[in-house]
C-alpha atoms as a PDB file:
ATOM      1  CA  UNK A   1      52.402  27.892  20.423  1.00  0.00           C
ATOM      2  CA  UNK A   2      53.995  24.873  21.159  1.00  0.00           C
ATOM      3  CA  UNK A   3      56.892  25.790  19.859  1.00  0.00           C
ATOM      4  CA  UNK A   4      57.816  28.907  21.680  1.00  0.00           C
ATOM      5  CA  UNK A   5      56.900  27.073  24.809  1.00  0.00           C
ATOM      6  CA  UNK A   6      58.984  24.202  24.097  1.00  0.00           C
ATOM      7  CA  UNK A   7      61.786  26.536  23.179  1.00  0.00           C
ATOM      8  CA  UNK A   8      61.268  30.132  24.931  1.00  0.00           C
ATOM      9  CA  UNK A   9      63.929  28.968  27.553  1.00  0.00           C
ATOM     10  CA  UNK A  10      66.764  28.240  25.054  1.00  0.00           C
ATOM     11  CA  UNK A  11      66.052  30.464  22.912  1.00  0.00           C
ATOM     12  CA  UNK A  12      64.409  33.173  24.829  1.00  0.00           C
ATOM     13  CA  UNK A  13      63.796  36.095  21.701  1.00  0.00           C
ATOM     14  CA  UNK A  14      61.862  33.659  20.155  1.00  0.00           C
ATOM     15  CA  UNK A  15      59.083  33.848  22.945  1.00  0.00           C
ATOM     16  CA  UNK A  16      60.395  37.741  22.185  1.00  0.00           C
ATOM     17  CA  UNK A  17      59.125  38.078  18.919  1.00  0.00           C
ATOM     18  CA  UNK A  18      56.370  35.072  19.494  1.00  0.00           C
ATOM     19  CA  UNK A  19      54.065  38.062  22.108  1.00  0.00           C
ATOM     20  CA  UNK A  20      55.368  41.582  19.816  1.00  0.00           C
ATOM     21  CA  UNK A  21      54.207  40.428  16.742  1.00  0.00           C
ATOM     22  CA  UNK A  22      50.765  38.495  18.205  1.00  0.00           C
ATOM     23  CA  UNK A  23      49.671  38.714  22.373  1.00  0.00           C
ATOM     24  CA  UNK A  24      51.044  42.127  23.037  1.00  0.00           C
ATOM     25  CA  UNK A  25      49.499  44.185  19.593  1.00  0.00           C
ATOM     26  CA  UNK A  26      45.430  42.169  20.246  1.00  0.00           C
ATOM     27  CA  UNK A  27      45.942  43.403  24.051  1.00  0.00           C
ATOM     28  CA  UNK A  28      46.817  47.004  22.692  1.00  0.00           C
ATOM     29  CA  UNK A  29      43.923  46.887  20.304  1.00  0.00           C
ATOM     30  CA  UNK A  30      41.687  45.220  22.741  1.00  0.00           C
ATOM     31  CA  UNK A  31      42.311  47.740  25.386  1.00  0.00           C
ATOM     32  CA  UNK A  32      42.421  50.684  23.154  1.00  0.00           C
ATOM     33  CA  UNK A  33      38.723  50.087  22.531  1.00  0.00           C
ATOM     34  CA  UNK A  34      37.449  49.164  26.181  1.00  0.00           C
ATOM     35  CA  UNK A  35      39.262  52.666  26.729  1.00  0.00           C
ATOM     36  CA  UNK A  36      37.268  54.365  23.492  1.00  0.00           C
ATOM     37  CA  UNK A  37      34.006  52.372  24.773  1.00  0.00           C
ATOM     38  CA  UNK A  38      34.608  53.866  28.381  1.00  0.00           C
ATOM     39  CA  UNK A  39      34.635  57.397  27.304  1.00  0.00           C
ATOM     40  CA  UNK A  40      31.791  56.532  24.555  1.00  0.00           C
ATOM     41  CA  UNK A  41      29.767  55.834  28.206  1.00  0.00           C
ATOM     42  CA  UNK A  42      29.326  52.014  26.103  1.00  0.00           C
ATOM     43  CA  UNK A  43      31.106  50.411  28.991  1.00  0.00           C
ATOM     44  CA  UNK A  44      32.621  51.184  31.976  1.00  0.00           C
ATOM     45  CA  UNK A  45      36.037  49.949  32.583  1.00  0.00           C
ATOM     46  CA  UNK A  46      38.369  51.215  35.325  1.00  0.00           C
ATOM     47  CA  UNK A  47      42.124  49.813  33.576  1.00  0.00           C
ATOM     48  CA  UNK A  48      41.416  48.454  30.173  1.00  0.00           C
ATOM     49  CA  UNK A  49      45.340  47.295  30.067  1.00  0.00           C
ATOM     50  CA  UNK A  50      44.514  44.869  32.778  1.00  0.00           C
ATOM     51  CA  UNK A  51      39.950  44.302  31.993  1.00  0.00           C
ATOM     52  CA  UNK A  52      41.518  43.409  28.054  1.00  0.00           C
ATOM     53  CA  UNK A  53      44.495  40.611  29.501  1.00  0.00           C
ATOM     54  CA  UNK A  54      40.993  39.340  31.412  1.00  0.00           C
ATOM     55  CA  UNK A  55      38.825  39.302  29.009  1.00  0.00           C
ATOM     56  CA  UNK A  56      41.388  37.716  26.360  1.00  0.00           C
ATOM     57  CA  UNK A  57      42.978  35.012  28.646  1.00  0.00           C
ATOM     58  CA  UNK A  58      39.536  33.602  29.439  1.00  0.00           C
ATOM     59  CA  UNK A  59      38.677  33.802  25.913  1.00  0.00           C
ATOM     60  CA  UNK A  60      41.457  31.790  25.244  1.00  0.00           C
ATOM     61  CA  UNK A  61      42.128  29.949  27.555  1.00  0.00           C
ATOM     62  CA  UNK A  62      40.348  26.899  27.862  1.00  0.00           C
ATOM     63  CA  UNK A  63      40.976  26.509  23.853  1.00  0.00           C
ATOM     64  CA  UNK A  64      44.407  26.456  24.395  1.00  0.00           C
ATOM     65  CA  UNK A  65      44.481  24.196  26.894  1.00  0.00           C
ATOM     66  CA  UNK A  66      42.611  21.974  24.825  1.00  0.00           C
ATOM     67  CA  UNK A  67      44.941  22.019  21.945  1.00  0.00           C
ATOM     68  CA  UNK A  68      48.042  21.531  24.140  1.00  0.00           C
ATOM     69  CA  UNK A  69      46.395  18.494  25.928  1.00  0.00           C
ATOM     70  CA  UNK A  70      45.594  17.761  21.860  1.00  0.00           C
ATOM     71  CA  UNK A  71      42.729  16.454  22.974  1.00  0.00           C
ATOM     72  CA  UNK A  72      40.143  14.934  19.534  1.00  0.00           C
ATOM     73  CA  UNK A  73      36.845  16.153  20.821  1.00  0.00           C
ATOM     74  CA  UNK A  74      35.448  18.729  23.604  1.00  0.00           C
ATOM     75  CA  UNK A  75      35.463  17.401  26.445  1.00  0.00           C
ATOM     76  CA  UNK A  76      32.434  18.863  28.510  1.00  0.00           C
ATOM     77  CA  UNK A  77      28.757  19.385  29.054  1.00  0.00           C
ATOM     78  CA  UNK A  78      28.475  22.995  27.911  1.00  0.00           C
ATOM     79  CA  UNK A  79      29.253  23.758  24.184  1.00  0.00           C
ATOM     80  CA  UNK A  80      32.250  26.230  22.831  1.00  0.00           C
ATOM     81  CA  UNK A  81      29.739  28.642  22.008  1.00  0.00           C
ATOM     82  CA  UNK A  82      28.002  28.431  25.719  1.00  0.00           C
ATOM     83  CA  UNK A  83      31.518  29.084  26.994  1.00  0.00           C
ATOM     84  CA  UNK A  84      32.353  32.006  25.223  1.00  0.00           C
ATOM     85  CA  UNK A  85      28.687  33.543  26.455  1.00  0.00           C
ATOM     86  CA  UNK A  86      29.062  33.047  29.371  1.00  0.00           C
ATOM     87  CA  UNK A  87      32.852  34.595  29.899  1.00  0.00           C
ATOM     88  CA  UNK A  88      30.820  37.400  27.887  1.00  0.00           C
ATOM     89  CA  UNK A  89      28.028  38.146  30.597  1.00  0.00           C
ATOM     90  CA  UNK A  90      30.430  37.958  33.383  1.00  0.00           C
ATOM     91  CA  UNK A  91      32.817  40.870  31.488  1.00  0.00           C
ATOM     92  CA  UNK A  92      29.784  42.471  30.948  1.00  0.00           C
ATOM     93  CA  UNK A  93      28.300  42.549  34.762  1.00  0.00           C
ATOM     94  CA  UNK A  94      32.080  43.605  35.926  1.00  0.00           C
ATOM     95  CA  UNK A  95      32.673  45.933  32.735  1.00  0.00           C
ATOM     96  CA  UNK A  96      28.667  46.881  31.206  1.00  0.00           C
ATOM     97  CA  UNK A  97      28.053  51.051  31.303  1.00  0.00           C
ATOM     98  CA  UNK A  98      25.223  50.304  34.025  1.00  0.00           C
ATOM     99  CA  UNK A  99      28.197  50.499  36.388  1.00  0.00           C
ATOM    100  CA  UNK A 100      29.729  53.601  37.209  1.00  0.00           C
ATOM    101  CA  UNK A 101      33.584  53.470  36.513  1.00  0.00           C
ATOM    102  CA  UNK A 102      35.313  53.676  39.982  1.00  0.00           C
ATOM    103  CA  UNK A 103      32.368  52.346  41.414  1.00  0.00           C
ATOM    104  CA  UNK A 104      29.531  50.077  41.730  1.00  0.00           C
ATOM    105  CA  UNK A 105      25.617  50.590  41.260  1.00  0.00           C
ATOM    106  CA  UNK A 106      23.200  49.321  43.269  1.00  0.00           C
ATOM    107  CA  UNK A 107      21.738  46.912  41.226  1.00  0.00           C
ATOM    108  CA  UNK A 108      25.280  45.510  41.561  1.00  0.00           C
ATOM    109  CA  UNK A 109      25.784  45.799  44.836  1.00  0.00           C
ATOM    110  CA  UNK A 110      22.260  44.173  45.283  1.00  0.00           C
ATOM    111  CA  UNK A 111      22.825  41.563  43.434  1.00  0.00           C
ATOM    112  CA  UNK A 112      26.624  40.398  44.460  1.00  0.00           C
ATOM    113  CA  UNK A 113      24.831  40.129  48.117  1.00  0.00           C
ATOM    114  CA  UNK A 114      21.866  37.482  46.878  1.00  0.00           C
END
């Protein structure tokens, strides 16, 4: 990852190769999963491509920042497990099956006002 970030400007093909071999297929596979889960009524995702990208960045962003900083220990008062659980809860509040695709249920509107 660091090599791609540092050499990408001089060698754009390196960045493209990295993107094509990891992030792009991962996002596409997750987007397909979200689309199928929405079709089955298990989720309510209006735009699976955006939702997949948001979730992936949310989950991996913190750990990538820590790795890029070369930190030797976890610098927060919460655990990584708690962080991931919180990310999943946030995602499910936005895209859970109780939310109707394209609109919000009364439950979500009430929660937002609270």
